[in-house]
C-alpha cells in the first residue's frame, strides 16, 4: 500500500447492511403495479445500485410517472424495512475495531438520509460514523466523485489516504474517479466476478478482511 489509509468510506446497501431482499421485493412490487407480469427477479438485479430516478426514468419519459413510481417504491420499502433488512457477518466487529484504531469512517450512499439512518440504527451502526453523505446532499451521485469529495471535506481527509468500500460498480468507479483506493465486496448479490470486472484494489471475501488490509 502506497499511502497509509486513515479514512474509510462505505456504501450502505449490500455492503454494510443486507438490504438485497428488501430492494428486490420492493422493485418487484412496484414494477408489477405499473408493468404487470413484465419483470422477474433476475430482471431487477441491475437496478440495485443506481438511484430510483435513474431506474424509473429509464422506463418512462414522463417525469410525473417517475415521481409516482418512486413514491410507491418508498412507501412499500419503508413498510417492509425492519422485517427484511438483515445483518452481514463480520460488519459490526470490523467497524467497531476500525473505529477503535482511530480511523475516520463515513457512509456514502445513493439512498435518502432518513432511510439510511433507519438502516444504520436498526443494525446499531450509526454511532460509528462521523459523516453520512446521502442522496439529497449532492447534485451528482456515484459514480461521480462529488459524494466522496463531500465526505472527505467534512472529514478533513484527502483521497490518497482514503479507501472506498462497496458492492456495486458505481462505488468502485466513484472511488477511482476521486483518486481513492477501492475495495469491492465478494458478497455482492451480483457476484464476485461482477465486482472484480471493475478492478478494485482489493476484494473482500468477508468484511473482517479490512482489518488485515488496514492493519498497523
N, C-alpha and C. Protein backbone atom coordinates (compact mmCIF):
# COMPACT_ATOMS: atom_id res chain seq x y z
N UNK A 1 0.85 -1.19 0.00
CA UNK A 1 0.00 0.00 0.00
C UNK A 1 0.89 1.24 0.00
N UNK A 2 0.61 2.11 -0.95
CA UNK A 2 1.47 3.28 -1.07
C UNK A 2 1.30 4.27 0.06
N UNK A 3 0.05 4.58 0.38
CA UNK A 3 -0.23 5.54 1.44
C UNK A 3 -0.97 4.87 2.59
N UNK A 4 -0.71 5.36 3.78
CA UNK A 4 -1.43 4.83 4.94
C UNK A 4 -2.89 5.31 4.87
N UNK A 5 -3.80 4.37 5.01
CA UNK A 5 -5.22 4.71 4.96
C UNK A 5 -5.68 5.16 6.35
N UNK A 6 -6.23 6.38 6.40
CA UNK A 6 -6.75 6.93 7.65
C UNK A 6 -8.27 7.04 7.63
N UNK A 7 -8.85 6.87 6.43
CA UNK A 7 -10.27 7.15 6.23
C UNK A 7 -10.90 6.05 5.39
N UNK A 8 -12.04 5.54 5.83
CA UNK A 8 -12.74 4.52 5.05
C UNK A 8 -14.18 4.98 4.82
N UNK A 9 -14.59 4.98 3.55
CA UNK A 9 -15.95 5.34 3.17
C UNK A 9 -16.68 4.07 2.76
N UNK A 10 -17.89 3.90 3.25
CA UNK A 10 -18.66 2.69 2.96
C UNK A 10 -19.96 3.02 2.24
N UNK A 11 -20.25 2.23 1.20
CA UNK A 11 -21.60 2.21 0.68
C UNK A 11 -22.48 1.57 1.75
N UNK A 12 -23.79 1.75 1.65
CA UNK A 12 -24.69 1.18 2.66
C UNK A 12 -25.30 -0.14 2.20
N UNK A 13 -26.24 -0.06 1.25
CA UNK A 13 -26.98 -1.24 0.81
C UNK A 13 -26.08 -2.28 0.16
N UNK A 14 -26.15 -3.50 0.67
CA UNK A 14 -25.37 -4.58 0.09
C UNK A 14 -23.91 -4.60 0.52
N UNK A 15 -23.52 -3.60 1.32
CA UNK A 15 -22.14 -3.51 1.80
C UNK A 15 -22.11 -3.59 3.33
N UNK A 16 -22.74 -2.62 3.97
CA UNK A 16 -22.81 -2.61 5.44
C UNK A 16 -24.01 -3.38 5.96
N UNK A 17 -25.15 -3.27 5.26
CA UNK A 17 -26.36 -3.97 5.69
C UNK A 17 -26.95 -4.74 4.51
N UNK A 18 -27.55 -5.86 4.82
CA UNK A 18 -28.11 -6.72 3.78
C UNK A 18 -29.55 -6.29 3.49
N UNK A 19 -29.67 -5.40 2.52
CA UNK A 19 -30.98 -4.91 2.09
C UNK A 19 -31.39 -5.54 0.76
N UNK A 20 -30.65 -6.54 0.31
CA UNK A 20 -30.89 -7.10 -1.02
C UNK A 20 -32.33 -7.58 -1.19
N UNK A 21 -32.80 -8.38 -0.24
CA UNK A 21 -34.16 -8.93 -0.37
C UNK A 21 -35.21 -7.82 -0.29
N UNK A 22 -34.94 -6.84 0.56
CA UNK A 22 -35.86 -5.70 0.67
C UNK A 22 -35.96 -4.96 -0.67
N UNK A 23 -34.82 -4.66 -1.27
CA UNK A 23 -34.81 -3.90 -2.52
C UNK A 23 -35.44 -4.70 -3.66
N UNK A 24 -35.09 -5.97 -3.76
CA UNK A 24 -35.65 -6.80 -4.83
C UNK A 24 -37.17 -6.91 -4.70
N UNK A 25 -37.64 -7.19 -3.50
CA UNK A 25 -39.09 -7.35 -3.32
C UNK A 25 -39.82 -6.03 -3.55
N UNK A 26 -39.17 -4.91 -3.20
CA UNK A 26 -39.79 -3.60 -3.42
C UNK A 26 -39.88 -3.27 -4.90
N UNK A 27 -38.81 -3.56 -5.64
CA UNK A 27 -38.85 -3.34 -7.09
C UNK A 27 -39.93 -4.23 -7.73
N UNK A 28 -39.99 -5.49 -7.33
CA UNK A 28 -40.97 -6.40 -7.91
C UNK A 28 -42.40 -5.93 -7.62
N UNK A 29 -42.63 -5.47 -6.41
CA UNK A 29 -43.95 -4.94 -6.05
C UNK A 29 -44.29 -3.72 -6.93
N UNK A 30 -43.36 -2.78 -7.02
CA UNK A 30 -43.61 -1.53 -7.75
C UNK A 30 -43.79 -1.79 -9.24
N UNK A 31 -42.93 -2.62 -9.81
CA UNK A 31 -42.99 -2.87 -11.24
C UNK A 31 -44.21 -3.69 -11.63
N UNK A 32 -44.63 -4.58 -10.74
CA UNK A 32 -45.84 -5.35 -11.01
C UNK A 32 -47.06 -4.41 -11.05
N UNK A 33 -47.01 -3.38 -10.24
CA UNK A 33 -48.09 -2.41 -10.19
C UNK A 33 -48.19 -1.61 -11.49
N UNK A 34 -47.03 -1.23 -12.05
CA UNK A 34 -47.01 -0.36 -13.23
C UNK A 34 -46.79 -1.11 -14.55
N UNK A 35 -46.13 -2.27 -14.47
CA UNK A 35 -45.85 -3.07 -15.68
C UNK A 35 -46.16 -4.53 -15.37
N UNK A 36 -47.44 -4.89 -15.26
CA UNK A 36 -47.81 -6.24 -14.83
C UNK A 36 -47.15 -7.35 -15.65
N UNK A 37 -46.58 -8.32 -14.92
CA UNK A 37 -46.01 -9.54 -15.50
C UNK A 37 -44.80 -9.30 -16.42
N UNK A 38 -44.21 -8.13 -16.36
CA UNK A 38 -43.11 -7.82 -17.28
C UNK A 38 -41.73 -8.12 -16.68
N UNK A 39 -41.58 -7.96 -15.36
CA UNK A 39 -40.26 -8.06 -14.74
C UNK A 39 -40.17 -9.26 -13.79
N UNK A 40 -39.02 -9.96 -13.85
CA UNK A 40 -38.74 -11.07 -12.95
C UNK A 40 -37.65 -10.66 -11.96
N UNK A 41 -37.37 -11.52 -11.01
CA UNK A 41 -36.32 -11.27 -10.03
C UNK A 41 -34.97 -10.99 -10.71
N UNK A 42 -34.64 -11.78 -11.73
CA UNK A 42 -33.37 -11.61 -12.44
C UNK A 42 -33.32 -10.25 -13.16
N UNK A 43 -34.48 -9.81 -13.64
CA UNK A 43 -34.54 -8.53 -14.37
C UNK A 43 -34.20 -7.34 -13.49
N UNK A 44 -34.52 -7.45 -12.18
CA UNK A 44 -34.33 -6.28 -11.33
C UNK A 44 -32.95 -6.20 -10.70
N UNK A 45 -32.16 -7.24 -10.81
CA UNK A 45 -30.82 -7.20 -10.21
C UNK A 45 -29.97 -6.02 -10.69
N UNK A 46 -30.02 -5.66 -11.99
CA UNK A 46 -29.23 -4.50 -12.42
C UNK A 46 -29.69 -3.18 -11.79
N UNK A 47 -30.89 -3.16 -11.20
CA UNK A 47 -31.40 -1.93 -10.60
C UNK A 47 -30.83 -1.68 -9.21
N UNK A 48 -30.15 -2.66 -8.64
CA UNK A 48 -29.53 -2.47 -7.33
C UNK A 48 -28.27 -1.65 -7.51
N UNK A 49 -28.26 -0.45 -6.94
CA UNK A 49 -27.10 0.42 -7.07
C UNK A 49 -27.47 1.81 -7.56
N UNK A 50 -28.02 1.92 -8.79
CA UNK A 50 -28.40 3.25 -9.28
C UNK A 50 -29.52 3.86 -8.45
N UNK A 51 -29.76 5.16 -8.61
CA UNK A 51 -30.84 5.82 -7.88
C UNK A 51 -32.18 5.40 -8.46
N UNK A 52 -33.23 5.59 -7.67
CA UNK A 52 -34.58 5.26 -8.13
C UNK A 52 -34.96 6.09 -9.35
N UNK A 53 -34.57 7.35 -9.37
CA UNK A 53 -34.91 8.20 -10.50
C UNK A 53 -34.20 7.74 -11.77
N UNK A 54 -32.98 7.25 -11.63
CA UNK A 54 -32.28 6.72 -12.80
C UNK A 54 -32.98 5.47 -13.33
N UNK A 55 -33.36 4.58 -12.43
CA UNK A 55 -34.00 3.33 -12.85
C UNK A 55 -35.36 3.59 -13.48
N UNK A 56 -36.23 4.29 -12.76
CA UNK A 56 -37.58 4.51 -13.27
C UNK A 56 -37.59 5.49 -14.44
N UNK A 57 -36.63 6.41 -14.45
CA UNK A 57 -36.53 7.34 -15.57
C UNK A 57 -36.17 6.63 -16.87
N UNK A 58 -35.52 5.47 -16.75
CA UNK A 58 -35.19 4.69 -17.93
C UNK A 58 -36.37 3.89 -18.46
N UNK A 59 -37.47 3.87 -17.71
CA UNK A 59 -38.65 3.09 -18.10
C UNK A 59 -39.75 3.95 -18.69
N UNK A 60 -39.76 5.22 -18.33
CA UNK A 60 -40.80 6.12 -18.84
C UNK A 60 -40.24 7.52 -19.00
N UNK A 61 -40.62 8.23 -20.07
CA UNK A 61 -40.15 9.61 -20.26
C UNK A 61 -40.98 10.62 -19.48
N UNK A 62 -42.03 10.15 -18.81
CA UNK A 62 -42.96 11.05 -18.10
C UNK A 62 -42.45 11.32 -16.69
N UNK A 63 -41.99 12.55 -16.40
CA UNK A 63 -41.45 12.86 -15.07
C UNK A 63 -42.46 12.63 -13.95
N UNK A 64 -43.73 12.92 -14.20
CA UNK A 64 -44.75 12.71 -13.17
C UNK A 64 -44.91 11.22 -12.85
N UNK A 65 -44.83 10.41 -13.90
CA UNK A 65 -44.93 8.96 -13.73
C UNK A 65 -43.74 8.45 -12.91
N UNK A 66 -42.57 8.99 -13.18
CA UNK A 66 -41.37 8.61 -12.43
C UNK A 66 -41.55 8.93 -10.95
N UNK A 67 -42.02 10.13 -10.64
CA UNK A 67 -42.22 10.51 -9.24
C UNK A 67 -43.26 9.63 -8.56
N UNK A 68 -44.30 9.26 -9.30
CA UNK A 68 -45.33 8.38 -8.76
C UNK A 68 -44.76 7.00 -8.43
N UNK A 69 -43.90 6.49 -9.32
CA UNK A 69 -43.27 5.19 -9.10
C UNK A 69 -42.30 5.24 -7.92
N UNK A 70 -41.54 6.32 -7.83
CA UNK A 70 -40.61 6.49 -6.72
C UNK A 70 -41.37 6.51 -5.39
N UNK A 71 -42.50 7.24 -5.37
CA UNK A 71 -43.30 7.31 -4.14
C UNK A 71 -43.86 5.94 -3.75
N UNK A 72 -44.34 5.19 -4.76
CA UNK A 72 -44.87 3.84 -4.49
C UNK A 72 -43.78 2.93 -3.96
N UNK A 73 -42.59 3.03 -4.56
CA UNK A 73 -41.43 2.24 -4.10
C UNK A 73 -41.12 2.56 -2.64
N UNK A 74 -41.03 3.84 -2.33
CA UNK A 74 -40.61 4.25 -0.98
C UNK A 74 -41.63 3.85 0.08
N UNK A 75 -42.90 3.97 -0.25
CA UNK A 75 -43.94 3.58 0.71
C UNK A 75 -43.84 2.10 1.07
N UNK A 76 -43.72 1.26 0.05
CA UNK A 76 -43.64 -0.18 0.28
C UNK A 76 -42.34 -0.53 1.00
N UNK A 77 -41.25 0.10 0.55
CA UNK A 77 -39.93 -0.17 1.12
C UNK A 77 -39.90 0.12 2.62
N UNK A 78 -40.47 1.24 3.02
CA UNK A 78 -40.50 1.60 4.44
C UNK A 78 -41.35 0.63 5.24
N UNK A 79 -42.46 0.19 4.63
CA UNK A 79 -43.36 -0.71 5.35
C UNK A 79 -42.73 -2.08 5.61
N UNK A 80 -41.78 -2.49 4.77
CA UNK A 80 -41.14 -3.80 4.90
C UNK A 80 -39.71 -3.73 5.45
N UNK A 81 -39.22 -2.51 5.70
CA UNK A 81 -37.80 -2.31 6.02
C UNK A 81 -37.30 -3.18 7.17
N UNK A 82 -37.89 -3.03 8.33
CA UNK A 82 -37.35 -3.72 9.51
C UNK A 82 -37.55 -5.23 9.44
N UNK A 83 -38.53 -5.65 8.66
CA UNK A 83 -38.80 -7.08 8.51
C UNK A 83 -37.77 -7.78 7.63
N UNK A 84 -37.29 -7.07 6.61
CA UNK A 84 -36.46 -7.73 5.59
C UNK A 84 -34.97 -7.39 5.65
N UNK A 85 -34.59 -6.29 6.33
CA UNK A 85 -33.17 -5.94 6.41
C UNK A 85 -32.45 -6.89 7.36
N UNK A 86 -31.30 -7.39 6.93
CA UNK A 86 -30.53 -8.35 7.73
C UNK A 86 -29.10 -7.83 7.94
N UNK A 87 -28.40 -8.52 8.81
CA UNK A 87 -27.01 -8.16 9.13
C UNK A 87 -26.05 -9.01 8.30
N UNK A 88 -24.96 -8.42 7.85
CA UNK A 88 -23.89 -9.18 7.22
C UNK A 88 -22.90 -9.62 8.31
N UNK A 89 -22.44 -10.84 8.22
CA UNK A 89 -21.49 -11.38 9.19
C UNK A 89 -20.20 -10.55 9.18
N UNK A 90 -19.73 -10.19 10.36
CA UNK A 90 -18.43 -9.54 10.49
C UNK A 90 -18.44 -8.03 10.36
N UNK A 91 -19.58 -7.44 9.99
CA UNK A 91 -19.60 -5.99 9.77
C UNK A 91 -19.43 -5.23 11.08
N UNK A 92 -20.25 -5.54 12.07
CA UNK A 92 -20.21 -4.76 13.32
C UNK A 92 -18.84 -4.83 13.98
N UNK A 93 -18.28 -6.04 14.09
CA UNK A 93 -16.98 -6.15 14.76
C UNK A 93 -15.88 -5.42 13.98
N UNK A 94 -15.97 -5.46 12.65
CA UNK A 94 -14.96 -4.78 11.83
C UNK A 94 -15.05 -3.27 11.99
N UNK A 95 -16.26 -2.73 11.90
CA UNK A 95 -16.44 -1.28 12.02
C UNK A 95 -16.02 -0.81 13.41
N UNK A 96 -16.38 -1.58 14.42
CA UNK A 96 -16.00 -1.21 15.79
C UNK A 96 -14.49 -1.20 15.96
N UNK A 97 -13.81 -2.21 15.40
CA UNK A 97 -12.35 -2.28 15.51
C UNK A 97 -11.68 -1.14 14.76
N UNK A 98 -12.17 -0.82 13.57
CA UNK A 98 -11.60 0.30 12.81
C UNK A 98 -11.76 1.61 13.58
N UNK A 99 -12.92 1.78 14.19
CA UNK A 99 -13.16 2.99 14.99
C UNK A 99 -12.21 3.04 16.17
N UNK A 100 -12.02 1.91 16.83
CA UNK A 100 -11.11 1.86 17.98
C UNK A 100 -9.67 2.13 17.57
N UNK A 101 -9.32 1.77 16.33
CA UNK A 101 -7.97 2.04 15.82
C UNK A 101 -7.78 3.50 15.43
N UNK A 102 -8.88 4.28 15.45
CA UNK A 102 -8.77 5.71 15.17
C UNK A 102 -9.01 6.09 13.73
N UNK A 103 -9.51 5.17 12.91
CA UNK A 103 -9.80 5.54 11.53
C UNK A 103 -11.06 6.40 11.47
N UNK A 104 -11.09 7.28 10.48
CA UNK A 104 -12.27 8.11 10.24
C UNK A 104 -13.20 7.34 9.30
N UNK A 105 -14.48 7.23 9.68
CA UNK A 105 -15.43 6.40 8.95
C UNK A 105 -16.63 7.23 8.50
N UNK A 106 -17.09 6.96 7.27
CA UNK A 106 -18.27 7.65 6.74
C UNK A 106 -19.07 6.71 5.86
N UNK A 107 -20.34 7.03 5.71
CA UNK A 107 -21.22 6.32 4.78
C UNK A 107 -21.48 7.23 3.59
N UNK A 108 -21.31 6.69 2.39
CA UNK A 108 -21.59 7.43 1.16
C UNK A 108 -22.57 6.59 0.35
N UNK A 109 -23.81 7.05 0.25
CA UNK A 109 -24.87 6.23 -0.31
C UNK A 109 -25.74 7.02 -1.28
N UNK A 110 -26.42 6.30 -2.18
CA UNK A 110 -27.39 6.93 -3.07
C UNK A 110 -28.79 6.91 -2.46
N UNK A 111 -28.88 6.45 -1.22
CA UNK A 111 -30.17 6.37 -0.53
C UNK A 111 -30.44 7.68 0.19
N UNK A 112 -31.72 7.98 0.41
CA UNK A 112 -32.09 9.17 1.17
C UNK A 112 -31.61 9.05 2.62
N UNK A 113 -31.39 10.20 3.24
CA UNK A 113 -30.83 10.22 4.60
C UNK A 113 -31.74 9.52 5.60
N UNK A 114 -33.05 9.76 5.54
CA UNK A 114 -33.93 9.20 6.56
C UNK A 114 -33.92 7.67 6.55
N UNK A 115 -33.89 7.08 5.34
CA UNK A 115 -33.88 5.62 5.25
C UNK A 115 -32.48 5.07 5.56
N UNK A 116 -31.46 5.84 5.23
CA UNK A 116 -30.09 5.46 5.60
C UNK A 116 -29.98 5.34 7.12
N UNK A 117 -30.45 6.35 7.82
CA UNK A 117 -30.40 6.34 9.28
C UNK A 117 -31.23 5.20 9.86
N UNK A 118 -32.36 4.92 9.23
CA UNK A 118 -33.23 3.83 9.69
C UNK A 118 -32.48 2.50 9.66
N UNK A 119 -31.74 2.26 8.56
CA UNK A 119 -30.97 1.03 8.43
C UNK A 119 -29.80 0.95 9.39
N UNK A 120 -29.07 2.05 9.53
CA UNK A 120 -27.92 2.08 10.44
C UNK A 120 -28.36 1.88 11.88
N UNK A 121 -29.49 2.50 12.24
CA UNK A 121 -29.98 2.37 13.62
C UNK A 121 -30.49 0.96 13.89
N UNK A 122 -31.12 0.37 12.90
CA UNK A 122 -31.64 -0.99 13.06
C UNK A 122 -30.50 -1.96 13.38
N UNK A 123 -29.35 -1.74 12.74
CA UNK A 123 -28.19 -2.61 12.94
C UNK A 123 -27.23 -2.08 14.01
N UNK A 124 -27.63 -0.97 14.67
CA UNK A 124 -26.82 -0.37 15.74
C UNK A 124 -25.43 0.04 15.24
N UNK A 125 -25.40 0.66 14.07
CA UNK A 125 -24.13 1.07 13.46
C UNK A 125 -23.95 2.59 13.41
N UNK A 126 -25.00 3.34 13.62
CA UNK A 126 -24.97 4.79 13.36
C UNK A 126 -23.84 5.51 14.10
N UNK A 127 -23.62 5.13 15.35
CA UNK A 127 -22.68 5.88 16.19
C UNK A 127 -21.22 5.72 15.76
N UNK A 128 -20.94 4.81 14.85
CA UNK A 128 -19.56 4.62 14.40
C UNK A 128 -19.15 5.64 13.31
N UNK A 129 -20.13 6.27 12.68
CA UNK A 129 -19.83 7.09 11.50
C UNK A 129 -19.91 8.58 11.79
N UNK A 130 -18.82 9.26 11.47
CA UNK A 130 -18.75 10.71 11.70
C UNK A 130 -19.56 11.48 10.68
N UNK A 131 -19.65 10.95 9.48
CA UNK A 131 -20.27 11.67 8.37
C UNK A 131 -21.14 10.70 7.57
N UNK A 132 -22.29 11.21 7.12
CA UNK A 132 -23.12 10.47 6.16
C UNK A 132 -23.41 11.39 4.99
N UNK A 133 -23.08 10.93 3.80
CA UNK A 133 -23.43 11.66 2.58
C UNK A 133 -24.49 10.84 1.86
N UNK A 134 -25.70 11.39 1.78
CA UNK A 134 -26.83 10.67 1.20
C UNK A 134 -27.29 11.35 -0.09
N UNK A 135 -28.34 10.80 -0.66
CA UNK A 135 -28.85 11.23 -1.96
C UNK A 135 -29.11 12.73 -2.04
N UNK A 136 -29.75 13.29 -1.00
CA UNK A 136 -30.14 14.69 -1.08
C UNK A 136 -29.01 15.67 -0.77
N UNK A 137 -27.83 15.15 -0.45
CA UNK A 137 -26.70 16.02 -0.12
C UNK A 137 -25.87 16.42 -1.33
N UNK A 138 -26.13 15.81 -2.48
CA UNK A 138 -25.28 16.05 -3.65
C UNK A 138 -26.12 16.36 -4.89
N UNK A 139 -25.46 17.02 -5.84
CA UNK A 139 -26.10 17.27 -7.15
C UNK A 139 -25.90 16.07 -8.06
N UNK A 140 -24.75 15.39 -7.90
CA UNK A 140 -24.43 14.22 -8.72
C UNK A 140 -24.11 13.04 -7.81
N UNK A 141 -24.70 11.89 -8.10
CA UNK A 141 -24.47 10.70 -7.28
C UNK A 141 -23.33 9.87 -7.85
N UNK A 142 -22.87 8.87 -7.07
CA UNK A 142 -21.87 7.93 -7.58
C UNK A 142 -22.36 7.33 -8.90
N UNK A 143 -21.51 7.13 -9.89
CA UNK A 143 -20.04 7.11 -9.86
C UNK A 143 -19.33 8.46 -9.96
N UNK A 144 -20.09 9.57 -10.02
CA UNK A 144 -19.45 10.87 -9.94
C UNK A 144 -18.72 10.97 -8.60
N UNK A 145 -17.56 11.61 -8.58
CA UNK A 145 -16.79 11.68 -7.32
C UNK A 145 -17.35 12.68 -6.31
N UNK A 146 -18.36 13.47 -6.68
CA UNK A 146 -18.86 14.52 -5.77
C UNK A 146 -19.19 14.01 -4.36
N UNK A 147 -19.92 12.88 -4.22
CA UNK A 147 -20.24 12.42 -2.85
C UNK A 147 -19.00 12.09 -2.02
N UNK A 148 -17.99 11.53 -2.68
CA UNK A 148 -16.75 11.21 -1.98
C UNK A 148 -16.03 12.49 -1.56
N UNK A 149 -15.92 13.43 -2.48
CA UNK A 149 -15.27 14.69 -2.13
C UNK A 149 -16.00 15.40 -0.99
N UNK A 150 -17.32 15.32 -0.99
CA UNK A 150 -18.10 15.97 0.07
C UNK A 150 -17.80 15.32 1.43
N UNK A 151 -17.71 14.00 1.45
CA UNK A 151 -17.39 13.29 2.69
C UNK A 151 -15.98 13.64 3.17
N UNK A 152 -15.04 13.65 2.24
CA UNK A 152 -13.65 13.92 2.61
C UNK A 152 -13.47 15.35 3.13
N UNK A 153 -14.21 16.28 2.55
CA UNK A 153 -14.14 17.66 3.02
C UNK A 153 -14.58 17.75 4.48
N UNK A 154 -15.66 17.05 4.82
CA UNK A 154 -16.17 17.08 6.19
C UNK A 154 -15.26 16.33 7.16
N UNK A 155 -14.55 15.34 6.64
CA UNK A 155 -13.65 14.54 7.49
C UNK A 155 -12.24 15.14 7.56
N UNK A 156 -12.00 16.17 6.74
CA UNK A 156 -10.66 16.75 6.64
C UNK A 156 -9.64 15.70 6.22
N UNK A 157 -10.02 14.91 5.20
CA UNK A 157 -9.15 13.86 4.67
C UNK A 157 -8.89 14.11 3.18
N UNK A 158 -7.90 13.42 2.65
CA UNK A 158 -7.57 13.52 1.23
C UNK A 158 -7.81 12.18 0.55
N UNK A 159 -8.01 12.18 -0.77
CA UNK A 159 -8.23 10.92 -1.48
C UNK A 159 -7.10 9.92 -1.30
N UNK A 160 -5.87 10.39 -1.23
CA UNK A 160 -4.73 9.48 -1.17
C UNK A 160 -4.66 8.68 0.13
N UNK A 161 -5.38 9.13 1.16
CA UNK A 161 -5.39 8.41 2.45
C UNK A 161 -6.72 7.72 2.71
N UNK A 162 -7.51 7.54 1.61
CA UNK A 162 -8.88 7.06 1.75
C UNK A 162 -9.12 5.78 0.96
N UNK A 163 -10.01 4.93 1.47
CA UNK A 163 -10.49 3.76 0.75
C UNK A 163 -12.01 3.81 0.66
N UNK A 164 -12.54 3.53 -0.53
CA UNK A 164 -13.98 3.43 -0.74
C UNK A 164 -14.35 1.96 -0.84
N UNK A 165 -15.33 1.52 -0.03
CA UNK A 165 -15.74 0.12 0.02
C UNK A 165 -17.18 0.00 -0.47
N UNK A 166 -17.42 -0.89 -1.44
CA UNK A 166 -18.78 -1.04 -1.94
C UNK A 166 -19.02 -2.34 -2.67
N UNK A 167 -20.29 -2.56 -3.01
CA UNK A 167 -20.68 -3.82 -3.64
C UNK A 167 -21.10 -3.65 -5.09
N UNK A 168 -21.01 -2.42 -5.61
CA UNK A 168 -21.52 -2.15 -6.94
C UNK A 168 -20.53 -1.36 -7.78
N UNK A 169 -20.77 -1.36 -9.08
CA UNK A 169 -19.83 -0.69 -9.99
C UNK A 169 -19.69 0.79 -9.66
N UNK A 170 -20.78 1.44 -9.26
CA UNK A 170 -20.72 2.89 -9.05
C UNK A 170 -19.89 3.24 -7.82
N UNK A 171 -19.76 2.31 -6.87
CA UNK A 171 -18.90 2.54 -5.71
C UNK A 171 -17.43 2.53 -6.13
N UNK A 172 -17.08 1.50 -6.90
CA UNK A 172 -15.68 1.35 -7.33
C UNK A 172 -15.28 2.49 -8.26
N UNK A 173 -16.14 2.81 -9.22
CA UNK A 173 -15.82 3.88 -10.18
C UNK A 173 -15.77 5.24 -9.49
N UNK A 174 -16.65 5.46 -8.51
CA UNK A 174 -16.61 6.73 -7.77
C UNK A 174 -15.28 6.87 -7.05
N UNK A 175 -14.82 5.78 -6.44
CA UNK A 175 -13.52 5.81 -5.76
C UNK A 175 -12.39 6.10 -6.73
N UNK A 176 -12.40 5.41 -7.86
CA UNK A 176 -11.36 5.64 -8.87
C UNK A 176 -11.41 7.08 -9.39
N UNK A 177 -12.63 7.57 -9.64
CA UNK A 177 -12.78 8.95 -10.14
C UNK A 177 -12.32 9.99 -9.14
N UNK A 178 -12.42 9.65 -7.86
CA UNK A 178 -12.00 10.58 -6.80
C UNK A 178 -10.52 10.42 -6.45
N UNK A 179 -9.91 9.31 -6.87
CA UNK A 179 -8.50 9.08 -6.57
C UNK A 179 -8.25 8.35 -5.27
N UNK A 180 -9.27 7.64 -4.76
CA UNK A 180 -9.08 6.85 -3.54
C UNK A 180 -8.68 5.42 -3.91
N UNK A 181 -8.27 4.65 -2.92
CA UNK A 181 -8.18 3.22 -3.11
C UNK A 181 -9.59 2.65 -3.03
N UNK A 182 -9.76 1.45 -3.57
CA UNK A 182 -11.11 0.87 -3.62
C UNK A 182 -11.08 -0.58 -3.17
N UNK A 183 -12.20 -0.98 -2.55
CA UNK A 183 -12.37 -2.38 -2.15
C UNK A 183 -13.79 -2.81 -2.52
N UNK A 184 -13.89 -3.89 -3.29
CA UNK A 184 -15.18 -4.45 -3.63
C UNK A 184 -15.48 -5.61 -2.71
N UNK A 185 -16.77 -5.82 -2.43
CA UNK A 185 -17.13 -6.91 -1.53
C UNK A 185 -17.61 -8.12 -2.33
N UNK A 186 -17.08 -9.29 -1.99
CA UNK A 186 -17.40 -10.51 -2.73
C UNK A 186 -18.82 -10.97 -2.49
N UNK A 187 -19.47 -10.43 -1.43
CA UNK A 187 -20.85 -10.84 -1.15
C UNK A 187 -21.87 -9.99 -1.93
N UNK A 188 -21.40 -9.23 -2.90
CA UNK A 188 -22.33 -8.53 -3.79
C UNK A 188 -23.34 -9.52 -4.36
N UNK A 189 -24.61 -9.14 -4.38
CA UNK A 189 -25.63 -10.05 -4.89
C UNK A 189 -25.41 -10.35 -6.37
N UNK A 190 -24.67 -9.49 -7.05
CA UNK A 190 -24.37 -9.71 -8.47
C UNK A 190 -23.18 -10.64 -8.65
N UNK A 191 -22.52 -11.01 -7.55
CA UNK A 191 -21.44 -11.98 -7.61
C UNK A 191 -20.05 -11.39 -7.56
N UNK A 192 -19.10 -12.21 -7.13
CA UNK A 192 -17.71 -11.77 -7.00
C UNK A 192 -17.12 -11.37 -8.35
N UNK A 193 -17.42 -12.16 -9.39
CA UNK A 193 -16.87 -11.88 -10.72
C UNK A 193 -17.35 -10.53 -11.23
N UNK A 194 -18.59 -10.18 -10.90
CA UNK A 194 -19.14 -8.89 -11.33
C UNK A 194 -18.31 -7.75 -10.77
N UNK A 195 -18.06 -7.77 -9.46
CA UNK A 195 -17.33 -6.66 -8.85
C UNK A 195 -15.86 -6.68 -9.28
N UNK A 196 -15.32 -7.88 -9.54
CA UNK A 196 -13.92 -8.00 -9.97
C UNK A 196 -13.70 -7.34 -11.33
N UNK A 197 -14.73 -7.32 -12.16
CA UNK A 197 -14.62 -6.71 -13.50
C UNK A 197 -14.22 -5.25 -13.45
N UNK A 198 -14.55 -4.59 -12.34
CA UNK A 198 -14.26 -3.15 -12.22
C UNK A 198 -12.91 -2.88 -11.57
N UNK A 199 -12.15 -3.96 -11.34
CA UNK A 199 -10.76 -3.89 -10.89
C UNK A 199 -10.55 -3.03 -9.64
N UNK A 200 -11.27 -3.34 -8.56
CA UNK A 200 -10.95 -2.64 -7.30
C UNK A 200 -9.55 -3.04 -6.84
N UNK A 201 -8.96 -2.22 -5.99
CA UNK A 201 -7.63 -2.54 -5.47
C UNK A 201 -7.66 -3.80 -4.62
N UNK A 202 -8.79 -4.03 -3.96
CA UNK A 202 -8.95 -5.21 -3.10
C UNK A 202 -10.34 -5.78 -3.29
N UNK A 203 -10.46 -7.09 -3.08
CA UNK A 203 -11.78 -7.72 -2.98
C UNK A 203 -11.87 -8.36 -1.61
N UNK A 204 -12.89 -8.00 -0.86
CA UNK A 204 -13.09 -8.53 0.49
C UNK A 204 -13.97 -9.76 0.43
N UNK A 205 -13.48 -10.88 0.91
CA UNK A 205 -14.30 -12.09 0.99
C UNK A 205 -15.23 -11.99 2.21
N UNK A 206 -14.76 -11.26 3.20
CA UNK A 206 -15.51 -11.03 4.44
C UNK A 206 -15.11 -9.64 4.91
N UNK A 207 -16.02 -8.93 5.56
CA UNK A 207 -15.68 -7.56 5.98
C UNK A 207 -14.46 -7.53 6.89
N UNK A 208 -14.23 -8.61 7.64
CA UNK A 208 -13.08 -8.64 8.55
C UNK A 208 -11.75 -8.60 7.79
N UNK A 209 -11.77 -8.88 6.47
CA UNK A 209 -10.55 -8.76 5.67
C UNK A 209 -9.98 -7.35 5.73
N UNK A 210 -10.84 -6.37 5.94
CA UNK A 210 -10.38 -4.98 6.03
C UNK A 210 -9.39 -4.79 7.16
N UNK A 211 -9.58 -5.55 8.24
CA UNK A 211 -8.69 -5.40 9.39
C UNK A 211 -7.28 -5.82 9.05
N UNK A 212 -7.15 -6.83 8.18
CA UNK A 212 -5.82 -7.27 7.74
C UNK A 212 -5.23 -6.26 6.76
N UNK A 213 -6.05 -5.84 5.80
CA UNK A 213 -5.57 -4.90 4.77
C UNK A 213 -5.13 -3.59 5.39
N UNK A 214 -5.88 -3.14 6.39
CA UNK A 214 -5.57 -1.85 7.02
C UNK A 214 -4.82 -2.01 8.33
N UNK A 215 -4.26 -3.20 8.54
CA UNK A 215 -3.55 -3.49 9.79
C UNK A 215 -2.37 -2.58 10.00
N UNK A 216 -2.06 -2.39 11.29
CA UNK A 216 -0.95 -1.49 11.62
C UNK A 216 0.37 -2.16 11.30
